[in-house]
Protein backbone atom coordinates (compact mmCIF):
# COMPACT_ATOMS: atom_id res chain seq x y z
CA MET A 1 -181.88 -12.95 -17.04
CA ILE A 2 -179.34 -15.46 -15.66
CA ARG A 3 -176.71 -14.39 -13.17
CA ILE A 4 -174.33 -16.91 -11.69
CA LYS A 5 -172.04 -15.79 -8.86
CA ASN A 6 -168.96 -17.70 -7.70
CA LEU A 7 -170.55 -21.09 -8.36
CA ASN A 8 -168.71 -24.21 -7.19
CA ILE A 9 -169.85 -27.80 -7.63
CA HIS A 10 -168.10 -30.94 -6.39
CA LEU A 11 -169.12 -34.23 -8.03
CA LEU A 12 -166.85 -37.14 -7.07
CA ASP A 13 -163.57 -36.28 -8.84
CA PHE A 14 -164.99 -33.45 -10.98
CA ARG A 15 -165.12 -29.76 -10.01
CA LEU A 16 -166.79 -26.66 -11.37
CA ASN A 17 -164.69 -23.80 -10.05
CA ASN A 18 -165.68 -20.19 -9.37
CA ILE A 19 -168.14 -19.80 -12.24
CA ASP A 20 -169.30 -16.22 -12.86
CA LEU A 21 -171.64 -15.78 -15.80
CA GLU A 22 -174.42 -13.46 -16.99
CA VAL A 23 -176.89 -14.09 -19.81
CA GLU A 24 -179.17 -11.27 -20.99
CA GLU A 25 -182.94 -11.40 -21.45
CA ASN A 26 -183.99 -13.08 -24.74
CA GLU A 27 -180.36 -13.75 -25.66
CA PHE A 28 -179.19 -16.86 -27.52
CA PHE A 29 -176.10 -17.72 -25.48
CA MET A 30 -173.73 -20.58 -26.28
CA LEU A 31 -171.79 -22.50 -23.63
CA MET A 32 -168.91 -24.18 -25.43
CA GLY A 33 -166.03 -26.47 -24.67
CA PRO A 34 -164.57 -29.93 -25.29
CA THR A 35 -166.17 -33.11 -23.99
CA GLY A 36 -165.77 -33.41 -20.22
CA ALA A 37 -165.22 -29.69 -19.66
CA GLY A 38 -168.27 -29.31 -17.39
CA LYS A 39 -170.84 -27.82 -19.76
CA THR A 40 -173.69 -30.21 -18.94
CA VAL A 41 -172.95 -30.04 -15.20
CA LEU A 42 -173.38 -26.26 -15.31
CA LEU A 43 -176.54 -26.57 -17.40
CA GLU A 44 -178.09 -29.06 -14.97
CA ALA A 45 -177.12 -26.90 -12.00
CA ILE A 46 -179.04 -24.00 -13.58
CA ALA A 47 -182.00 -26.35 -14.13
CA GLY A 48 -181.91 -27.49 -10.50
CA LEU A 49 -180.97 -31.08 -11.31
CA ILE A 50 -177.54 -30.97 -9.61
CA PRO A 51 -176.95 -29.52 -6.12
CA VAL A 52 -174.68 -26.50 -5.75
CA THR A 53 -171.76 -26.70 -3.31
CA THR A 54 -171.30 -22.93 -2.95
CA GLY A 55 -172.38 -19.87 -4.92
CA GLU A 56 -175.66 -18.45 -6.22
CA ILE A 57 -177.88 -18.76 -9.29
CA PHE A 58 -180.37 -16.02 -10.18
CA ILE A 59 -183.04 -16.26 -12.90
CA GLN A 60 -184.96 -13.07 -13.69
CA GLY A 61 -183.53 -11.51 -10.53
CA ARG A 62 -184.82 -14.31 -8.31
CA ASP A 63 -182.44 -16.46 -6.27
CA VAL A 64 -183.22 -20.04 -7.38
CA THR A 65 -180.09 -21.69 -5.96
CA ARG A 66 -182.04 -23.90 -3.55
CA LEU A 67 -185.35 -24.08 -5.41
CA PRO A 68 -186.53 -27.37 -6.96
CA SER A 69 -186.34 -27.54 -10.75
CA GLU A 70 -190.12 -27.27 -11.29
CA LYS A 71 -190.20 -23.84 -9.62
CA ARG A 72 -187.48 -22.22 -11.75
CA GLY A 73 -189.44 -21.52 -14.95
CA VAL A 74 -186.87 -23.47 -16.94
CA GLY A 75 -187.28 -25.92 -19.83
CA ILE A 76 -184.55 -28.35 -20.85
CA VAL A 77 -183.99 -30.35 -24.06
CA TYR A 78 -181.39 -33.13 -24.25
CA GLN A 79 -179.72 -34.62 -27.31
CA ASP A 80 -181.67 -37.90 -26.91
CA GLN A 81 -185.08 -36.08 -26.89
CA SER A 82 -186.47 -38.23 -24.01
CA LEU A 83 -189.97 -38.42 -25.52
CA PHE A 84 -192.61 -40.65 -23.92
CA PRO A 85 -192.66 -43.67 -26.28
CA HIS A 86 -196.28 -44.67 -25.52
CA MET A 87 -197.66 -41.17 -26.20
CA SER A 88 -198.44 -39.57 -29.56
CA VAL A 89 -196.67 -36.44 -30.73
CA LEU A 90 -199.71 -34.40 -29.67
CA GLU A 91 -199.68 -35.95 -26.18
CA ASN A 92 -195.95 -35.46 -25.81
CA ILE A 93 -196.13 -31.78 -26.77
CA THR A 94 -199.07 -30.94 -24.51
CA TYR A 95 -197.94 -33.06 -21.55
CA GLY A 96 -196.62 -30.14 -19.51
CA LEU A 97 -199.74 -27.97 -19.87
CA ARG A 98 -201.59 -29.96 -17.21
CA TYR A 99 -199.06 -28.78 -14.61
CA HIS A 100 -199.19 -25.09 -15.55
CA SER A 101 -202.90 -24.26 -15.29
CA VAL A 102 -203.14 -23.12 -18.91
CA PRO A 103 -206.73 -22.60 -20.17
CA ASN A 104 -207.68 -24.98 -22.99
CA GLU A 105 -208.07 -22.17 -25.52
CA ASP A 106 -204.58 -20.80 -24.78
CA GLY A 107 -203.14 -24.29 -24.94
CA GLU A 108 -204.70 -24.86 -28.38
CA LYS A 109 -203.27 -21.58 -29.65
CA ARG A 110 -199.80 -22.42 -28.41
CA LEU A 111 -199.98 -25.90 -29.92
CA HIS A 112 -201.10 -24.57 -33.29
CA LYS A 113 -198.36 -21.93 -33.38
CA LEU A 114 -195.56 -24.35 -32.45
CA ALA A 115 -196.83 -27.07 -34.79
CA GLU A 116 -196.81 -24.54 -37.63
CA MET A 117 -193.37 -23.11 -36.81
CA LEU A 118 -191.81 -26.55 -36.41
CA ASN A 119 -193.72 -28.23 -39.25
CA LEU A 120 -195.29 -30.83 -36.95
CA GLY A 121 -198.95 -30.57 -37.96
CA HIS A 122 -198.92 -33.76 -40.04
CA LEU A 123 -197.14 -35.72 -37.30
CA LEU A 124 -199.43 -35.10 -34.31
CA SER A 125 -201.00 -38.57 -34.32
CA ARG A 126 -197.74 -40.50 -34.72
CA LEU A 127 -195.79 -42.29 -31.99
CA PRO A 128 -192.09 -41.37 -31.45
CA ILE A 129 -190.97 -44.71 -32.89
CA ASN A 130 -192.28 -43.57 -36.27
CA LEU A 131 -190.34 -40.30 -36.31
CA SER A 132 -186.92 -39.42 -37.72
CA GLY A 133 -184.22 -38.03 -35.44
CA GLY A 134 -184.85 -34.48 -36.61
CA GLU A 135 -188.62 -34.85 -36.13
CA LYS A 136 -188.14 -36.16 -32.59
CA GLN A 137 -185.93 -33.21 -31.73
CA ARG A 138 -188.51 -30.75 -33.08
CA VAL A 139 -191.18 -32.45 -30.94
CA ALA A 140 -188.91 -32.14 -27.89
CA LEU A 141 -188.49 -28.41 -28.61
CA ALA A 142 -192.26 -27.94 -28.93
CA ARG A 143 -192.86 -29.81 -25.67
CA ALA A 144 -190.36 -27.60 -23.84
CA LEU A 145 -191.65 -24.33 -25.31
CA ILE A 146 -195.41 -24.87 -25.04
CA VAL A 147 -195.31 -23.99 -21.32
CA ARG A 148 -193.47 -20.74 -22.21
CA PRO A 149 -190.45 -21.08 -19.93
CA HIS A 150 -188.44 -17.97 -19.12
CA LEU A 151 -185.35 -19.94 -20.00
CA LEU A 152 -184.74 -22.84 -22.40
CA LEU A 153 -181.65 -24.98 -21.75
CA LEU A 154 -180.39 -27.05 -24.69
CA ASP A 155 -177.85 -29.82 -24.07
CA GLU A 156 -176.17 -30.50 -27.44
CA PRO A 157 -179.53 -30.90 -29.23
CA LEU A 158 -177.89 -31.33 -32.65
CA SER A 159 -175.01 -33.69 -31.89
CA ALA A 160 -176.89 -36.97 -32.36
CA LEU A 161 -178.52 -35.94 -35.67
CA ASP A 162 -177.51 -36.71 -39.24
CA PRO A 163 -176.26 -33.65 -41.19
CA GLY A 164 -179.54 -33.06 -43.04
CA PHE A 165 -181.64 -33.27 -39.87
CA ARG A 166 -179.10 -31.13 -38.03
CA GLU A 167 -179.60 -28.26 -40.46
CA ASP A 168 -183.41 -28.55 -40.14
CA VAL A 169 -183.30 -28.40 -36.35
CA ARG A 170 -180.74 -25.59 -36.38
CA ASN A 171 -183.03 -23.52 -38.61
CA ALA A 172 -185.93 -24.36 -36.30
CA LEU A 173 -183.94 -23.10 -33.30
CA LYS A 174 -183.23 -19.82 -35.09
CA SER A 175 -186.90 -19.36 -35.91
CA LEU A 176 -188.08 -20.28 -32.42
CA HIS A 177 -185.72 -17.84 -30.76
CA ARG A 178 -186.65 -15.05 -33.17
CA ASN A 179 -190.36 -15.55 -32.51
CA SER A 180 -190.38 -15.97 -28.73
CA ASP A 181 -189.46 -14.08 -25.58
CA THR A 182 -187.58 -17.07 -24.19
CA THR A 183 -183.86 -16.88 -23.39
CA PHE A 184 -181.88 -19.73 -24.99
CA LEU A 185 -178.79 -21.21 -23.34
CA MET A 186 -177.26 -23.98 -25.43
CA VAL A 187 -174.36 -26.33 -24.76
CA THR A 188 -172.16 -27.50 -27.64
CA HIS A 189 -168.68 -28.83 -28.39
CA ASP A 190 -169.11 -27.79 -32.05
CA PHE A 191 -167.92 -24.24 -32.67
CA GLY A 192 -169.66 -24.21 -36.06
CA GLU A 193 -173.02 -24.43 -34.26
CA ALA A 194 -172.08 -21.46 -32.11
CA LEU A 195 -171.18 -19.36 -35.16
CA ALA A 196 -174.49 -20.25 -36.84
CA LEU A 197 -176.80 -19.63 -33.88
CA ALA A 198 -175.44 -17.36 -31.15
CA ASP A 199 -174.17 -13.82 -30.78
CA ARG A 200 -172.43 -14.34 -27.44
CA GLY A 201 -170.97 -17.27 -25.60
CA ALA A 202 -168.45 -18.66 -23.13
CA VAL A 203 -165.78 -21.34 -23.40
CA ILE A 204 -165.42 -23.66 -20.42
CA HIS A 205 -162.32 -25.79 -19.92
CA ARG A 206 -161.60 -28.21 -17.08
CA GLY A 207 -164.42 -26.87 -14.95
CA ALA A 208 -163.57 -23.17 -15.30
CA ILE A 209 -164.60 -20.47 -17.75
CA ASP A 210 -161.68 -19.38 -19.93
CA GLN A 211 -163.37 -16.69 -22.02
CA ILE A 212 -166.73 -14.89 -22.33
CA GLY A 213 -167.72 -12.55 -25.15
CA ALA A 214 -169.04 -12.15 -28.67
CA ILE A 215 -168.78 -15.37 -30.69
CA HIS A 216 -166.87 -13.50 -33.40
CA ASP A 217 -164.30 -12.26 -30.86
CA ILE A 218 -163.83 -15.72 -29.34
CA PHE A 219 -163.37 -17.14 -32.85
CA HIS A 220 -160.81 -14.57 -33.99
CA ARG A 221 -159.27 -13.43 -30.69
CA PRO A 222 -158.98 -16.35 -28.24
CA ALA A 223 -157.61 -15.42 -24.83
CA SER A 224 -155.84 -18.68 -23.93
CA VAL A 225 -154.17 -21.70 -25.49
CA ALA A 226 -157.16 -23.88 -24.60
CA VAL A 227 -159.62 -21.52 -26.31
CA ALA A 228 -157.33 -21.11 -29.34
CA GLU A 229 -157.20 -24.89 -29.77
CA PHE A 230 -160.97 -25.22 -29.32
CA VAL A 231 -161.81 -22.64 -31.99
CA GLY A 232 -159.41 -24.18 -34.51
CA MET A 233 -156.41 -21.83 -34.38
CA LYS A 234 -154.17 -24.58 -35.72
CA ASN A 235 -151.13 -22.34 -36.14
CA LEU A 236 -150.32 -21.74 -32.49
CA PHE A 237 -146.79 -20.82 -31.43
CA GLU A 238 -144.93 -19.48 -28.44
CA ALA A 239 -143.34 -16.17 -29.39
CA SER A 240 -141.28 -13.28 -28.15
CA PHE A 241 -142.05 -9.69 -29.10
CA GLN A 242 -139.83 -6.76 -29.94
CA ASN A 243 -140.46 -3.47 -31.73
CA GLY A 244 -144.09 -4.45 -32.34
CA ASN A 245 -143.19 -7.68 -34.17
CA ALA A 246 -143.16 -11.36 -33.18
CA SER A 247 -140.29 -13.80 -33.28
CA ILE A 248 -141.03 -17.54 -33.53
CA GLN A 249 -137.81 -19.55 -33.26
CA GLY A 250 -136.02 -16.79 -35.12
CA LEU A 251 -138.72 -16.31 -37.77
CA GLN A 252 -139.80 -12.66 -37.80
CA ILE A 253 -143.55 -12.08 -38.11
CA LEU A 254 -144.98 -8.66 -38.90
CA LEU A 255 -148.00 -7.63 -36.81
CA SER A 256 -150.71 -5.09 -37.59
CA ARG A 257 -151.00 -3.98 -33.96
CA PRO A 258 -148.66 -3.98 -30.94
CA PRO A 259 -148.98 -7.04 -28.68
CA GLY A 260 -150.13 -6.75 -25.09
CA ASN A 261 -147.53 -6.49 -22.34
CA HIS A 262 -148.04 -10.05 -21.12
CA HIS A 263 -148.61 -11.74 -24.48
CA ARG A 264 -146.56 -14.90 -25.08
CA HIS A 265 -148.28 -16.57 -28.07
CA VAL A 266 -149.27 -15.95 -31.67
CA ALA A 267 -152.13 -17.74 -33.43
CA ILE A 268 -153.16 -17.77 -37.10
CA ARG A 269 -156.27 -19.41 -38.51
CA PRO A 270 -155.40 -22.05 -41.17
CA GLU A 271 -157.85 -20.50 -43.65
CA ASP A 272 -155.82 -17.26 -43.44
CA VAL A 273 -152.63 -18.99 -44.61
CA VAL A 274 -152.15 -18.82 -48.39
CA VAL A 275 -150.06 -21.43 -50.23
CA SER A 276 -148.41 -20.70 -53.58
CA LYS A 277 -145.71 -22.17 -55.80
CA ASP A 278 -144.00 -18.78 -56.23
CA CYS A 279 -143.61 -15.77 -53.97
CA PHE A 280 -144.40 -13.20 -56.68
CA SER A 281 -148.11 -14.12 -56.81
CA LEU A 282 -148.57 -13.55 -53.06
CA ASN A 283 -147.56 -9.91 -52.55
CA LEU A 284 -148.08 -10.20 -48.78
CA GLU A 285 -145.70 -9.03 -46.07
CA ASN A 286 -145.38 -12.33 -44.17
CA THR A 287 -144.14 -14.65 -46.94
CA PHE A 288 -141.84 -17.61 -46.28
CA PRO A 289 -140.56 -20.63 -48.23
CA GLY A 290 -141.25 -24.15 -47.01
CA ILE A 291 -141.83 -27.76 -48.01
CA VAL A 292 -145.17 -29.57 -47.98
CA SER A 293 -144.93 -32.26 -45.29
CA ALA A 294 -148.50 -33.62 -45.41
CA VAL A 295 -151.85 -33.22 -47.20
CA ILE A 296 -154.90 -34.33 -45.19
CA GLY A 297 -158.43 -34.47 -46.59
CA HIS A 298 -161.30 -32.98 -44.57
CA GLY A 299 -164.31 -33.50 -46.83
CA PHE A 300 -164.60 -30.40 -49.01
CA THR A 301 -161.26 -28.95 -47.89
CA TYR A 302 -157.70 -30.13 -47.40
CA GLU A 303 -155.26 -29.32 -44.64
CA VAL A 304 -151.80 -28.69 -46.05
CA LYS A 305 -148.88 -28.82 -43.63
CA VAL A 306 -145.85 -26.80 -44.66
CA LYS A 307 -142.55 -27.24 -42.86
CA ARG A 308 -140.36 -24.18 -42.41
CA ALA A 309 -137.16 -25.11 -40.51
CA ASP A 310 -138.51 -26.63 -37.25
CA LEU A 311 -141.94 -25.01 -37.61
CA ILE A 312 -145.06 -26.53 -39.15
CA PHE A 313 -147.66 -24.15 -40.61
CA LYS A 314 -151.13 -25.43 -41.50
CA ALA A 315 -153.28 -24.06 -44.32
CA LEU A 316 -156.79 -24.96 -45.52
CA VAL A 317 -157.26 -25.15 -49.29
CA THR A 318 -160.06 -26.23 -51.60
CA LYS A 319 -159.80 -29.29 -53.81
CA LYS A 320 -159.57 -26.96 -56.82
CA SER A 321 -156.56 -25.18 -55.34
CA LEU A 322 -155.00 -28.50 -54.35
CA VAL A 323 -155.21 -29.77 -57.94
CA GLU A 324 -154.21 -26.49 -59.62
CA LEU A 325 -151.14 -26.11 -57.42
CA GLY A 326 -150.29 -29.80 -57.59
CA LEU A 327 -149.75 -29.86 -53.83
CA ARG A 328 -148.07 -33.05 -52.60
CA GLU A 329 -145.55 -34.10 -50.00
CA GLY A 330 -142.05 -32.84 -50.72
CA LEU A 331 -143.16 -29.94 -52.95
CA GLU A 332 -141.36 -26.63 -52.38
CA VAL A 333 -143.91 -23.84 -51.84
CA PHE A 334 -144.37 -20.44 -50.26
CA ILE A 335 -146.78 -19.63 -47.46
CA SER A 336 -148.11 -16.19 -46.71
CA PHE A 337 -150.51 -14.44 -44.33
CA GLU A 338 -151.46 -10.84 -43.65
CA PRO A 339 -150.24 -9.11 -40.46
CA ALA A 340 -153.89 -8.46 -39.56
CA SER A 341 -154.56 -12.20 -39.41
CA VAL A 342 -151.93 -12.75 -36.70
CA HIS A 343 -153.54 -12.82 -33.24
CA THR A 344 -151.44 -12.42 -30.10
CA PHE A 345 -152.29 -13.32 -26.52
């Protein structure tokens, strides 16, 4: 569906470097990375809104690198919706039909289907000023999809929404993708969105792609320090390896599989680290004593930092566990994690 070959873009002091990427037909693909990594630049290059320095972009096998945006069969939705404020919801949604030679009957059918799927039927006469953030975003999605683009580009469509609206729009995106032939390519800096919506994705960092693959693999098996940090591998250490095990500043870590020849790091997800007040209740192979150095609240969970010699391990616990264990700074505890939860790269 999308094939990008050796793409380079120079914008003032920012560079996209040697981007190679393929997105399959009707796939929901997630382009991820921290703010300023180059995600939106790549998205707008695919849409034809930013000129390419070198390289090629193909959509449905057609070279669109030098084509204007209106000839690419691409729709784009931004986080700020960009609705026409003087037009009703109905007029906003159907605006693009006049440029695509769609018969009135087909246009009515498309409108009815999208209004039903996105729960917009009761809003068609309203102006954007009278809509909530989530409603505006659903209107923007309907406007982009009514012309049936081959490809829908989504630039962080959930980031500006309140949590309740965000869940509504996320569910709408799932439903729209399931019920259309359109390929979705979405940009996000929120890995939780990627886990909820996409099967495959890529992480971009400082203008270059660090890793491409299944979302689950990126989440559990990052290929670089930058990707590990992005996906929340908070226990990230340089390590040496011998006899199939890892050594972190003298601490011996058992692994479930041999590390690769060029691996130099270990990473452990904080939710895989168990904290206990005694070692007998853990019964896991990697068990070590330590002292709680900090407890940090994160809404429904708490991050517990445990100091072991010069190392700091981070665990995520529920409020119930925090209270039951009486976790506080200075408390002597044990931490434990399974060999299978230790990732090496």
